[in-house]
């Protein structure tokens, strides 16, 4: 038996793999320039919107709980300035996708989303012809049909919703604000608005989660038939409230069974 087969039999697996440096390793950079960097002809653009209404216990991403609308507006202006700084690179590239990640990019106002998209279009007039996907990440409670429809007017065709769980106890333990009816209503609203690609995240291994509660979340969400359901294993990231507080987590075998059930 190979070492890999033995690991599978013992339910050993890596729940999360970084393909880039995590935010806790970031350091200030001076005199940054893209001169001399060789790009492929096709580029995918990622725009980070760090704002959130709350900090989930498991979240280790670069996010900011900011109540000031002026601060958010200032941040958007800075994003546009950065787009303009790299206009030469963007102008000669084929932009194949634009992804707004976060944070909660769906907290952008329609005017702010429009301003960023138009700044990209100004640097590359072929944006709407070549970008097969313009996507935002969202929490269920941040989705409003009037905003989504306004975003769609500027090319939005994919929304990724962080549902994570449909169990009320697990939602409270995670310090999230998306009761089951809000999560399911958000998916229905996106369908009614005509979003062509809806992606829903579910997380297994949450503190206090059981196989039964996981299977309930999977069954209920799958009945809505979103285009994609992405499965994530809970990772205890250093510095997060989850790491500091601890909890009762699924063992490796139950996590594997959760994954297999959802598949």
C-alpha atoms as a PDB file:
ATOM      1  CA  UNK A   1       0.000   0.000   0.000  1.00  0.00           C
ATOM      2  CA  UNK A   2       1.347   3.437  -0.943  1.00  0.00           C
ATOM      3  CA  UNK A   3       1.851   6.153   1.649  1.00  0.00           C
ATOM      4  CA  UNK A   4      -0.901   8.165  -0.056  1.00  0.00           C
ATOM      5  CA  UNK A   5      -3.355   5.260   0.234  1.00  0.00           C
ATOM      6  CA  UNK A   6      -2.493   4.873   3.909  1.00  0.00           C
ATOM      7  CA  UNK A   7      -3.193   8.546   4.528  1.00  0.00           C
ATOM      8  CA  UNK A   8      -6.604   8.201   2.893  1.00  0.00           C
ATOM      9  CA  UNK A   9      -7.399   5.151   4.983  1.00  0.00           C
ATOM     10  CA  UNK A  10      -6.489   7.119   8.146  1.00  0.00           C
ATOM     11  CA  UNK A  11      -8.654  10.039   6.920  1.00  0.00           C
ATOM     12  CA  UNK A  12      -5.626  12.314   6.670  1.00  0.00           C
ATOM     13  CA  UNK A  13      -5.927  15.227   4.292  1.00  0.00           C
ATOM     14  CA  UNK A  14      -4.979  18.885   4.038  1.00  0.00           C
ATOM     15  CA  UNK A  15      -8.160  20.904   4.663  1.00  0.00           C
ATOM     16  CA  UNK A  16      -6.720  24.037   3.095  1.00  0.00           C
ATOM     17  CA  UNK A  17      -3.753  24.802   0.830  1.00  0.00           C
ATOM     18  CA  UNK A  18      -2.430  28.310   0.211  1.00  0.00           C
ATOM     19  CA  UNK A  19      -1.216  29.049  -3.303  1.00  0.00           C
ATOM     20  CA  UNK A  20      -0.154  32.567  -2.310  1.00  0.00           C
ATOM     21  CA  UNK A  21       1.220  34.200   0.845  1.00  0.00           C
ATOM     22  CA  UNK A  22      -1.501  34.603   3.507  1.00  0.00           C
ATOM     23  CA  UNK A  23      -2.350  38.106   4.698  1.00  0.00           C
ATOM     24  CA  UNK A  24      -0.552  37.663   8.023  1.00  0.00           C
ATOM     25  CA  UNK A  25       2.770  37.517   6.122  1.00  0.00           C
ATOM     26  CA  UNK A  26       2.213  40.830   4.292  1.00  0.00           C
ATOM     27  CA  UNK A  27       4.754  43.627   4.816  1.00  0.00           C
ATOM     28  CA  UNK A  28       4.857  47.226   3.513  1.00  0.00           C
ATOM     29  CA  UNK A  29       6.281  47.629   0.001  1.00  0.00           C
ATOM     30  CA  UNK A  30       7.986  50.761  -1.316  1.00  0.00           C
ATOM     31  CA  UNK A  31       8.596  51.821  -4.904  1.00  0.00           C
ATOM     32  CA  UNK A  32       6.474  48.995  -6.334  1.00  0.00           C
ATOM     33  CA  UNK A  33       6.395  48.821 -10.131  1.00  0.00           C
ATOM     34  CA  UNK A  34       5.148  46.417 -12.790  1.00  0.00           C
ATOM     35  CA  UNK A  35       7.833  47.491 -15.259  1.00  0.00           C
ATOM     36  CA  UNK A  36       9.698  44.494 -16.534  1.00  0.00           C
ATOM     37  CA  UNK A  37       6.992  42.035 -15.460  1.00  0.00           C
ATOM     38  CA  UNK A  38       5.990  39.673 -18.250  1.00  0.00           C
ATOM     39  CA  UNK A  39       2.229  39.080 -18.437  1.00  0.00           C
ATOM     40  CA  UNK A  40       0.362  36.474 -20.433  1.00  0.00           C
ATOM     41  CA  UNK A  41      -1.948  37.894 -23.141  1.00  0.00           C
ATOM     42  CA  UNK A  42      -5.032  36.954 -21.102  1.00  0.00           C
ATOM     43  CA  UNK A  43      -5.491  38.345 -17.592  1.00  0.00           C
ATOM     44  CA  UNK A  44      -7.984  37.768 -14.780  1.00  0.00           C
ATOM     45  CA  UNK A  45      -8.572  40.805 -12.601  1.00  0.00           C
ATOM     46  CA  UNK A  46      -9.217  40.523  -8.857  1.00  0.00           C
ATOM     47  CA  UNK A  47     -10.501  43.572  -6.976  1.00  0.00           C
ATOM     48  CA  UNK A  48     -10.450  43.334  -3.184  1.00  0.00           C
ATOM     49  CA  UNK A  49     -13.282  45.015  -1.294  1.00  0.00           C
ATOM     50  CA  UNK A  50     -12.451  44.530   2.413  1.00  0.00           C
ATOM     51  CA  UNK A  51     -15.651  45.821   4.013  1.00  0.00           C
ATOM     52  CA  UNK A  52     -17.907  43.573   6.115  1.00  0.00           C
ATOM     53  CA  UNK A  53     -20.825  44.093   8.486  1.00  0.00           C
ATOM     54  CA  UNK A  54     -19.409  41.518  10.922  1.00  0.00           C
ATOM     55  CA  UNK A  55     -16.344  39.344  11.459  1.00  0.00           C
ATOM     56  CA  UNK A  56     -17.157  35.641  11.283  1.00  0.00           C
ATOM     57  CA  UNK A  57     -15.344  33.590  13.914  1.00  0.00           C
ATOM     58  CA  UNK A  58     -13.456  31.522  11.324  1.00  0.00           C
ATOM     59  CA  UNK A  59     -12.452  34.383   9.009  1.00  0.00           C
ATOM     60  CA  UNK A  60      -8.740  35.031   8.545  1.00  0.00           C
ATOM     61  CA  UNK A  61      -9.063  37.271   5.497  1.00  0.00           C
ATOM     62  CA  UNK A  62      -8.128  40.941   5.233  1.00  0.00           C
ATOM     63  CA  UNK A  63     -11.442  42.561   6.184  1.00  0.00           C
ATOM     64  CA  UNK A  64     -12.581  45.738   7.892  1.00  0.00           C
ATOM     65  CA  UNK A  65     -15.707  46.465   9.917  1.00  0.00           C
ATOM     66  CA  UNK A  66     -16.174  50.076   8.874  1.00  0.00           C
ATOM     67  CA  UNK A  67     -19.346  52.073   9.504  1.00  0.00           C
ATOM     68  CA  UNK A  68     -18.338  55.200   7.592  1.00  0.00           C
ATOM     69  CA  UNK A  69     -19.713  55.483   4.048  1.00  0.00           C
ATOM     70  CA  UNK A  70     -17.116  58.209   3.410  1.00  0.00           C
ATOM     71  CA  UNK A  71     -14.315  55.737   4.096  1.00  0.00           C
ATOM     72  CA  UNK A  72     -15.780  53.233   1.644  1.00  0.00           C
ATOM     73  CA  UNK A  73     -16.102  55.940  -0.992  1.00  0.00           C
ATOM     74  CA  UNK A  74     -12.475  56.955  -0.437  1.00  0.00           C
ATOM     75  CA  UNK A  75     -11.383  53.327  -0.808  1.00  0.00           C
ATOM     76  CA  UNK A  76     -13.239  53.015  -4.126  1.00  0.00           C
ATOM     77  CA  UNK A  77     -11.493  56.155  -5.408  1.00  0.00           C
ATOM     78  CA  UNK A  78      -8.152  54.574  -4.480  1.00  0.00           C
ATOM     79  CA  UNK A  79      -9.051  51.389  -6.372  1.00  0.00           C
ATOM     80  CA  UNK A  80      -9.822  53.496  -9.437  1.00  0.00           C
ATOM     81  CA  UNK A  81      -6.512  55.322  -9.079  1.00  0.00           C
ATOM     82  CA  UNK A  82      -4.702  51.972  -9.011  1.00  0.00           C
ATOM     83  CA  UNK A  83      -6.544  50.852 -12.160  1.00  0.00           C
ATOM     84  CA  UNK A  84      -5.421  54.068 -13.848  1.00  0.00           C
ATOM     85  CA  UNK A  85      -1.827  53.485 -12.667  1.00  0.00           C
ATOM     86  CA  UNK A  86      -1.773  50.154 -14.530  1.00  0.00           C
ATOM     87  CA  UNK A  87      -3.677  51.329 -17.598  1.00  0.00           C
ATOM     88  CA  UNK A  88      -0.782  50.430 -19.910  1.00  0.00           C
ATOM     89  CA  UNK A  89      -0.824  46.767 -18.835  1.00  0.00           C
ATOM     90  CA  UNK A  90      -4.615  46.515 -18.813  1.00  0.00           C
ATOM     91  CA  UNK A  91      -4.956  48.234 -22.154  1.00  0.00           C
ATOM     92  CA  UNK A  92      -2.819  45.725 -24.036  1.00  0.00           C
ATOM     93  CA  UNK A  93      -4.266  42.646 -22.294  1.00  0.00           C
ATOM     94  CA  UNK A  94      -7.317  40.506 -22.974  1.00  0.00           C
ATOM     95  CA  UNK A  95      -9.387  40.710 -19.783  1.00  0.00           C
ATOM     96  CA  UNK A  96     -11.123  37.340 -19.458  1.00  0.00           C
ATOM     97  CA  UNK A  97     -12.732  37.819 -16.025  1.00  0.00           C
ATOM     98  CA  UNK A  98     -13.235  40.353 -13.252  1.00  0.00           C
ATOM     99  CA  UNK A  99     -13.825  39.108  -9.705  1.00  0.00           C
ATOM    100  CA  UNK A 100     -14.787  41.350  -6.807  1.00  0.00           C
ATOM    101  CA  UNK A 101     -13.732  39.517  -3.624  1.00  0.00           C
ATOM    102  CA  UNK A 102     -13.522  40.443  -0.006  1.00  0.00           C
ATOM    103  CA  UNK A 103     -14.798  41.156   2.437  1.00  0.00           C
ATOM    104  CA  UNK A 104     -18.295  41.663   1.116  1.00  0.00           C
ATOM    105  CA  UNK A 105     -18.210  43.366  -2.306  1.00  0.00           C
ATOM    106  CA  UNK A 106     -22.018  43.321  -2.465  1.00  0.00           C
ATOM    107  CA  UNK A 107     -21.877  46.164   0.096  1.00  0.00           C
ATOM    108  CA  UNK A 108     -20.719  48.445  -2.724  1.00  0.00           C
ATOM    109  CA  UNK A 109     -23.362  50.898  -3.869  1.00  0.00           C
ATOM    110  CA  UNK A 110     -24.465  50.610  -7.508  1.00  0.00           C
ATOM    111  CA  UNK A 111     -22.669  53.910  -8.195  1.00  0.00           C
ATOM    112  CA  UNK A 112     -19.409  52.573  -6.719  1.00  0.00           C
ATOM    113  CA  UNK A 113     -19.628  49.314  -8.688  1.00  0.00           C
ATOM    114  CA  UNK A 114     -20.345  51.298 -11.851  1.00  0.00           C
ATOM    115  CA  UNK A 115     -17.384  53.619 -11.238  1.00  0.00           C
ATOM    116  CA  UNK A 116     -14.935  50.712 -10.911  1.00  0.00           C
ATOM    117  CA  UNK A 117     -16.264  48.887 -13.981  1.00  0.00           C
ATOM    118  CA  UNK A 118     -16.193  52.070 -16.087  1.00  0.00           C
ATOM    119  CA  UNK A 119     -12.607  52.744 -14.948  1.00  0.00           C
ATOM    120  CA  UNK A 120     -11.642  49.269 -16.204  1.00  0.00           C
ATOM    121  CA  UNK A 121     -13.546  49.858 -19.447  1.00  0.00           C
ATOM    122  CA  UNK A 122     -11.747  53.171 -19.937  1.00  0.00           C
ATOM    123  CA  UNK A 123      -8.387  51.360 -19.845  1.00  0.00           C
ATOM    124  CA  UNK A 124      -9.622  48.511 -22.058  1.00  0.00           C
ATOM    125  CA  UNK A 125     -12.430  49.239 -24.512  1.00  0.00           C
ATOM    126  CA  UNK A 126     -12.948  45.524 -25.202  1.00  0.00           C
ATOM    127  CA  UNK A 127     -13.755  44.628 -21.571  1.00  0.00           C
ATOM    128  CA  UNK A 128     -17.409  43.711 -22.145  1.00  0.00           C
ATOM    129  CA  UNK A 129     -16.539  41.687 -25.250  1.00  0.00           C
ATOM    130  CA  UNK A 130     -13.766  39.583 -23.688  1.00  0.00           C
ATOM    131  CA  UNK A 131     -14.772  39.238 -20.006  1.00  0.00           C
ATOM    132  CA  UNK A 132     -16.759  36.018 -19.908  1.00  0.00           C
ATOM    133  CA  UNK A 133     -17.348  36.464 -16.179  1.00  0.00           C
ATOM    134  CA  UNK A 134     -17.883  39.490 -13.950  1.00  0.00           C
ATOM    135  CA  UNK A 135     -18.424  38.206 -10.433  1.00  0.00           C
ATOM    136  CA  UNK A 136     -18.976  39.416  -6.871  1.00  0.00           C
ATOM    137  CA  UNK A 137     -18.872  37.656  -3.526  1.00  0.00           C
ATOM    138  CA  UNK A 138     -21.793  38.313  -1.201  1.00  0.00           C
ATOM    139  CA  UNK A 139     -23.360  37.452   2.108  1.00  0.00           C
ATOM    140  CA  UNK A 140     -27.049  36.467   1.910  1.00  0.00           C
ATOM    141  CA  UNK A 141     -28.225  39.426   3.978  1.00  0.00           C
ATOM    142  CA  UNK A 142     -26.404  41.919   1.722  1.00  0.00           C
ATOM    143  CA  UNK A 143     -28.284  40.896  -1.434  1.00  0.00           C
ATOM    144  CA  UNK A 144     -31.032  43.249  -2.612  1.00  0.00           C
ATOM    145  CA  UNK A 145     -32.666  42.862  -6.012  1.00  0.00           C
ATOM    146  CA  UNK A 146     -32.377  46.568  -6.877  1.00  0.00           C
ATOM    147  CA  UNK A 147     -28.600  46.501  -6.308  1.00  0.00           C
ATOM    148  CA  UNK A 148     -28.054  43.203  -8.125  1.00  0.00           C
ATOM    149  CA  UNK A 149     -30.045  44.398 -11.134  1.00  0.00           C
ATOM    150  CA  UNK A 150     -28.037  47.637 -11.170  1.00  0.00           C
ATOM    151  CA  UNK A 151     -24.790  45.615 -11.072  1.00  0.00           C
ATOM    152  CA  UNK A 152     -26.061  43.411 -13.906  1.00  0.00           C
ATOM    153  CA  UNK A 153     -26.460  46.515 -16.078  1.00  0.00           C
ATOM    154  CA  UNK A 154     -22.643  46.729 -15.948  1.00  0.00           C
ATOM    155  CA  UNK A 155     -21.946  43.120 -16.813  1.00  0.00           C
ATOM    156  CA  UNK A 156     -22.385  41.197 -13.541  1.00  0.00           C
ATOM    157  CA  UNK A 157     -23.255  37.585 -14.401  1.00  0.00           C
ATOM    158  CA  UNK A 158     -22.027  35.557 -11.412  1.00  0.00           C
ATOM    159  CA  UNK A 159     -22.659  35.866  -7.668  1.00  0.00           C
ATOM    160  CA  UNK A 160     -20.883  33.741  -5.053  1.00  0.00           C
ATOM    161  CA  UNK A 161     -22.862  33.597  -1.791  1.00  0.00           C
ATOM    162  CA  UNK A 162     -21.252  32.617   1.503  1.00  0.00           C
ATOM    163  CA  UNK A 163     -24.106  30.634   3.034  1.00  0.00           C
ATOM    164  CA  UNK A 164     -21.836  28.211   4.970  1.00  0.00           C
ATOM    165  CA  UNK A 165     -24.652  26.538   6.944  1.00  0.00           C
ATOM    166  CA  UNK A 166     -28.439  26.399   7.188  1.00  0.00           C
ATOM    167  CA  UNK A 167     -28.394  25.380  10.853  1.00  0.00           C
ATOM    168  CA  UNK A 168     -29.493  28.176  13.216  1.00  0.00           C
ATOM    169  CA  UNK A 169     -27.170  27.115  16.045  1.00  0.00           C
ATOM    170  CA  UNK A 170     -24.117  26.965  13.789  1.00  0.00           C
ATOM    171  CA  UNK A 171     -24.986  30.386  12.361  1.00  0.00           C
ATOM    172  CA  UNK A 172     -25.071  31.909  15.858  1.00  0.00           C
ATOM    173  CA  UNK A 173     -21.849  30.180  16.917  1.00  0.00           C
ATOM    174  CA  UNK A 174     -20.092  31.532  13.812  1.00  0.00           C
ATOM    175  CA  UNK A 175     -21.311  35.080  14.585  1.00  0.00           C
ATOM    176  CA  UNK A 176     -23.042  35.294  11.214  1.00  0.00           C
ATOM    177  CA  UNK A 177     -26.194  37.242  10.298  1.00  0.00           C
ATOM    178  CA  UNK A 178     -27.843  34.976   7.745  1.00  0.00           C
ATOM    179  CA  UNK A 179     -30.781  33.026   9.179  1.00  0.00           C
ATOM    180  CA  UNK A 180     -31.943  30.142   6.991  1.00  0.00           C
ATOM    181  CA  UNK A 181     -34.878  32.040   5.473  1.00  0.00           C
ATOM    182  CA  UNK A 182     -32.584  34.924   4.508  1.00  0.00           C
ATOM    183  CA  UNK A 183     -30.070  32.568   2.825  1.00  0.00           C
ATOM    184  CA  UNK A 184     -32.708  30.681   0.855  1.00  0.00           C
ATOM    185  CA  UNK A 185     -34.489  33.918  -0.031  1.00  0.00           C
ATOM    186  CA  UNK A 186     -31.238  35.380  -1.376  1.00  0.00           C
ATOM    187  CA  UNK A 187     -30.768  32.454  -3.770  1.00  0.00           C
ATOM    188  CA  UNK A 188     -34.365  32.767  -4.977  1.00  0.00           C
ATOM    189  CA  UNK A 189     -33.939  36.520  -5.438  1.00  0.00           C
ATOM    190  CA  UNK A 190     -30.837  36.019  -7.591  1.00  0.00           C
ATOM    191  CA  UNK A 191     -32.697  33.508  -9.735  1.00  0.00           C
ATOM    192  CA  UNK A 192     -35.611  35.906 -10.191  1.00  0.00           C
ATOM    193  CA  UNK A 193     -33.199  38.726 -11.092  1.00  0.00           C
ATOM    194  CA  UNK A 194     -31.767  36.591 -13.894  1.00  0.00           C
ATOM    195  CA  UNK A 195     -28.223  36.032 -12.590  1.00  0.00           C
ATOM    196  CA  UNK A 196     -26.946  33.271 -14.868  1.00  0.00           C
ATOM    197  CA  UNK A 197     -24.357  31.772 -12.515  1.00  0.00           C
ATOM    198  CA  UNK A 198     -25.096  31.374  -8.799  1.00  0.00           C
ATOM    199  CA  UNK A 199     -22.444  29.795  -6.577  1.00  0.00           C
ATOM    200  CA  UNK A 200     -23.181  28.888  -2.935  1.00  0.00           C
ATOM    201  CA  UNK A 201     -20.529  28.104  -0.305  1.00  0.00           C
ATOM    202  CA  UNK A 202     -21.092  25.494   2.401  1.00  0.00           C
ATOM    203  CA  UNK A 203     -18.637  24.797   5.215  1.00  0.00           C
ATOM    204  CA  UNK A 204     -18.225  21.492   7.012  1.00  0.00           C
ATOM    205  CA  UNK A 205     -16.381  20.985  10.302  1.00  0.00           C
ATOM    206  CA  UNK A 206     -17.846  24.076  11.986  1.00  0.00           C
ATOM    207  CA  UNK A 207     -17.812  24.209  15.771  1.00  0.00           C
ATOM    208  CA  UNK A 208     -20.720  22.118  17.076  1.00  0.00           C
ATOM    209  CA  UNK A 209     -21.669  20.819  13.639  1.00  0.00           C
ATOM    210  CA  UNK A 210     -22.864  17.220  13.279  1.00  0.00           C
ATOM    211  CA  UNK A 211     -23.173  14.904  10.299  1.00  0.00           C
ATOM    212  CA  UNK A 212     -26.942  15.259  10.557  1.00  0.00           C
ATOM    213  CA  UNK A 213     -26.938  19.074  10.509  1.00  0.00           C
ATOM    214  CA  UNK A 214     -24.467  19.070   7.596  1.00  0.00           C
ATOM    215  CA  UNK A 215     -26.613  16.676   5.591  1.00  0.00           C
ATOM    216  CA  UNK A 216     -29.652  18.885   6.249  1.00  0.00           C
ATOM    217  CA  UNK A 217     -27.830  21.954   4.873  1.00  0.00           C
ATOM    218  CA  UNK A 218     -26.719  20.062   1.767  1.00  0.00           C
ATOM    219  CA  UNK A 219     -30.171  18.590   1.069  1.00  0.00           C
ATOM    220  CA  UNK A 220     -32.047  21.867   1.473  1.00  0.00           C
ATOM    221  CA  UNK A 221     -29.603  23.944  -0.558  1.00  0.00           C
ATOM    222  CA  UNK A 222     -29.328  21.398  -3.374  1.00  0.00           C
ATOM    223  CA  UNK A 223     -33.097  21.570  -3.858  1.00  0.00           C
ATOM    224  CA  UNK A 224     -32.639  25.157  -5.070  1.00  0.00           C
ATOM    225  CA  UNK A 225     -30.245  23.887  -7.759  1.00  0.00           C
ATOM    226  CA  UNK A 226     -27.661  26.697  -7.883  1.00  0.00           C
ATOM    227  CA  UNK A 227     -25.106  26.263 -10.674  1.00  0.00           C
ATOM    228  CA  UNK A 228     -22.362  25.483  -8.141  1.00  0.00           C
ATOM    229  CA  UNK A 229     -22.114  24.461  -4.498  1.00  0.00           C
ATOM    230  CA  UNK A 230     -18.563  24.886  -3.221  1.00  0.00           C
ATOM    231  CA  UNK A 231     -17.474  22.810  -0.222  1.00  0.00           C
ATOM    232  CA  UNK A 232     -15.024  24.159   2.347  1.00  0.00           C
ATOM    233  CA  UNK A 233     -13.508  22.440   5.344  1.00  0.00           C
ATOM    234  CA  UNK A 234     -13.315  24.665   8.425  1.00  0.00           C
ATOM    235  CA  UNK A 235      -9.737  25.746   9.095  1.00  0.00           C
ATOM    236  CA  UNK A 236      -8.657  27.134  12.463  1.00  0.00           C
ATOM    237  CA  UNK A 237      -6.534  30.066  11.304  1.00  0.00           C
ATOM    238  CA  UNK A 238      -4.208  31.612  13.924  1.00  0.00           C
ATOM    239  CA  UNK A 239      -5.446  34.919  15.312  1.00  0.00           C
ATOM    240  CA  UNK A 240      -9.125  34.365  14.487  1.00  0.00           C
ATOM    241  CA  UNK A 241     -11.810  34.281  17.205  1.00  0.00           C
ATOM    242  CA  UNK A 242     -12.278  30.585  16.405  1.00  0.00           C
ATOM    243  CA  UNK A 243      -8.617  29.890  17.178  1.00  0.00           C
ATOM    244  CA  UNK A 244      -8.727  31.898  20.393  1.00  0.00           C
ATOM    245  CA  UNK A 245     -11.979  30.462  21.695  1.00  0.00           C
ATOM    246  CA  UNK A 246     -11.710  26.894  20.451  1.00  0.00           C
ATOM    247  CA  UNK A 247     -14.745  24.632  20.163  1.00  0.00           C
ATOM    248  CA  UNK A 248     -16.048  21.160  19.534  1.00  0.00           C
ATOM    249  CA  UNK A 249     -14.991  20.318  15.991  1.00  0.00           C
ATOM    250  CA  UNK A 250     -15.654  17.351  13.738  1.00  0.00           C
ATOM    251  CA  UNK A 251     -12.968  14.685  13.640  1.00  0.00           C
ATOM    252  CA  UNK A 252     -11.169  13.825  10.418  1.00  0.00           C
ATOM    253  CA  UNK A 253     -13.365  10.840   9.684  1.00  0.00           C
ATOM    254  CA  UNK A 254     -16.606  12.802   9.996  1.00  0.00           C
ATOM    255  CA  UNK A 255     -15.175  15.567   7.822  1.00  0.00           C
ATOM    256  CA  UNK A 256     -14.373  13.052   5.112  1.00  0.00           C
ATOM    257  CA  UNK A 257     -17.851  11.579   5.418  1.00  0.00           C
ATOM    258  CA  UNK A 258     -19.329  15.083   5.146  1.00  0.00           C
ATOM    259  CA  UNK A 259     -17.403  15.723   1.957  1.00  0.00           C
ATOM    260  CA  UNK A 260     -18.366  12.351   0.470  1.00  0.00           C
ATOM    261  CA  UNK A 261     -22.046  12.896   1.291  1.00  0.00           C
ATOM    262  CA  UNK A 262     -22.088  16.289  -0.402  1.00  0.00           C
ATOM    263  CA  UNK A 263     -20.314  14.949  -3.470  1.00  0.00           C
END
